[in-house]
Amino acid sequence: MPAVATPKLLAGHASTRQWAQRTCLAGDVAAAFDVARLTARALDTPELVSLNNDREALEEKIAALRLRREELGDDYLDQLQPLLVQLAELQERIDAAEAKESGAN
């Protein structure tokens, strides 16, 4: 399985350049890799930290499910759909919390 660069994993490297020199992203994993955040991020409140941790865990479940697509056959979409709905709902909560924090600052 190819390496996936998560913030926790990147924290252990001196720089993202060092990470890039040691890593090759390919296939479905490459499509899920965030290279840059285009908008400023609200302060990391305990609520946002928790929500972002939940999102990361859900994204990992989705990635693991995608790797099993062939073996799951027709069950793949039945398992993927609720996870994508959960992800969308969670992202709405994150966006609302970030908007609240941005407005408070």
Protein backbone atom coordinates (compact mmCIF):
# COMPACT_ATOMS: atom_id res chain seq x y z
CA MET A 1 0.00 0.00 0.00
CA PRO A 2 1.45 3.42 -0.93
CA ALA A 3 2.30 5.84 1.86
CA VAL A 4 -0.26 8.51 2.64
CA ALA A 5 0.96 11.86 3.96
CA THR A 6 -1.20 12.85 6.90
CA PRO A 7 -0.47 15.86 9.11
CA LYS A 8 0.61 13.48 11.89
CA LEU A 9 3.03 11.73 9.55
CA LEU A 10 4.39 14.96 8.10
CA ALA A 11 5.06 16.31 11.59
CA GLY A 12 7.82 13.76 11.97
CA HIS A 13 9.79 15.11 9.02
CA ALA A 14 11.97 18.19 8.98
CA SER A 15 10.17 19.53 5.94
CA THR A 16 7.59 18.58 3.38
CA ARG A 17 10.44 18.57 0.86
CA GLN A 18 12.08 15.78 2.84
CA TRP A 19 8.75 13.91 2.79
CA ALA A 20 8.38 14.43 -0.97
CA GLN A 21 11.85 13.06 -1.61
CA ARG A 22 10.97 9.84 0.19
CA THR A 23 7.42 9.33 -1.03
CA CYS A 24 5.69 8.49 -4.25
CA LEU A 25 1.92 8.90 -4.34
CA ALA A 26 0.03 7.01 -6.99
CA GLY A 27 -3.44 5.86 -7.90
CA ASP A 28 -6.47 6.65 -5.76
CA VAL A 29 -4.28 7.76 -2.85
CA ALA A 30 -2.78 10.57 -4.92
CA ALA A 31 -6.25 11.94 -5.68
CA ALA A 32 -6.98 12.26 -1.95
CA PHE A 33 -3.76 14.07 -1.01
CA ASP A 34 -4.16 17.74 -0.01
CA VAL A 35 -1.25 19.74 -1.35
CA ALA A 36 -2.27 23.17 -0.11
CA ARG A 37 -5.07 24.87 1.78
CA LEU A 38 -6.35 27.81 -0.28
CA THR A 39 -8.20 29.57 2.52
CA ALA A 40 -7.02 30.70 5.92
CA ARG A 41 -7.84 28.28 8.67
CA ALA A 42 -9.72 29.36 11.77
CA LEU A 43 -8.01 28.91 15.10
CA ASP A 44 -7.94 25.33 16.23
CA THR A 45 -10.48 25.27 19.01
CA PRO A 46 -11.14 22.02 20.87
CA GLU A 47 -14.34 21.67 18.82
CA LEU A 48 -12.48 22.07 15.52
CA VAL A 49 -9.70 19.73 16.58
CA SER A 50 -12.28 17.07 17.44
CA LEU A 51 -14.24 17.59 14.22
CA ASN A 52 -11.09 17.46 12.10
CA ASN A 53 -9.96 14.28 13.87
CA ASP A 54 -13.37 12.76 13.13
CA ARG A 55 -13.06 13.81 9.48
CA GLU A 56 -9.58 12.29 9.22
CA ALA A 57 -10.83 8.99 10.67
CA LEU A 58 -13.77 8.95 8.27
CA GLU A 59 -11.53 9.73 5.29
CA GLU A 60 -9.29 6.82 6.30
CA LYS A 61 -12.35 4.51 6.37
CA ILE A 62 -13.32 5.70 2.89
CA ALA A 63 -9.78 5.18 1.59
CA ALA A 64 -9.68 1.67 3.04
CA LEU A 65 -13.06 0.88 1.49
CA ARG A 66 -11.89 2.15 -1.91
CA LEU A 67 -8.94 -0.23 -1.76
CA ARG A 68 -11.43 -3.10 -1.34
CA ARG A 69 -13.70 -2.01 -4.22
CA GLU A 70 -12.99 -5.00 -6.44
CA GLU A 71 -13.53 -7.60 -3.73
CA LEU A 72 -16.77 -5.98 -2.51
CA GLY A 73 -18.42 -5.86 -5.92
CA ASP A 74 -22.03 -4.68 -5.66
CA ASP A 75 -21.73 -4.04 -1.90
CA TYR A 76 -19.10 -1.35 -2.47
CA LEU A 77 -21.54 1.46 -3.28
CA ASP A 78 -23.90 0.38 -0.49
CA GLN A 79 -21.03 0.77 1.97
CA LEU A 80 -19.54 3.90 0.41
CA GLN A 81 -22.70 6.00 0.20
CA PRO A 82 -23.38 6.32 3.95
CA LEU A 83 -19.74 7.19 4.57
CA LEU A 84 -19.85 9.96 1.96
CA VAL A 85 -23.06 11.33 3.48
CA GLN A 86 -21.41 11.30 6.93
CA LEU A 87 -18.38 13.08 5.47
CA ALA A 88 -20.55 15.77 3.87
CA GLU A 89 -22.47 16.33 7.11
CA LEU A 90 -19.26 16.47 9.10
CA GLN A 91 -17.75 18.97 6.66
CA GLU A 92 -20.82 21.18 7.07
CA ARG A 93 -20.26 21.14 10.84
CA ILE A 94 -16.59 22.00 10.35
CA ASP A 95 -17.44 24.85 7.99
CA ALA A 96 -20.01 26.22 10.46
CA ALA A 97 -17.53 26.01 13.35
CA GLU A 98 -14.82 27.73 11.29
CA ALA A 99 -17.25 30.46 10.23
CA LYS A 100 -18.24 30.97 13.88
CA GLU A 101 -14.59 31.22 14.92
CA SER A 102 -13.74 33.56 12.04
CA GLY A 103 -16.64 35.81 13.00
CA ALA A 104 -15.61 35.80 16.65
CA ASN A 105 -12.05 36.90 15.86
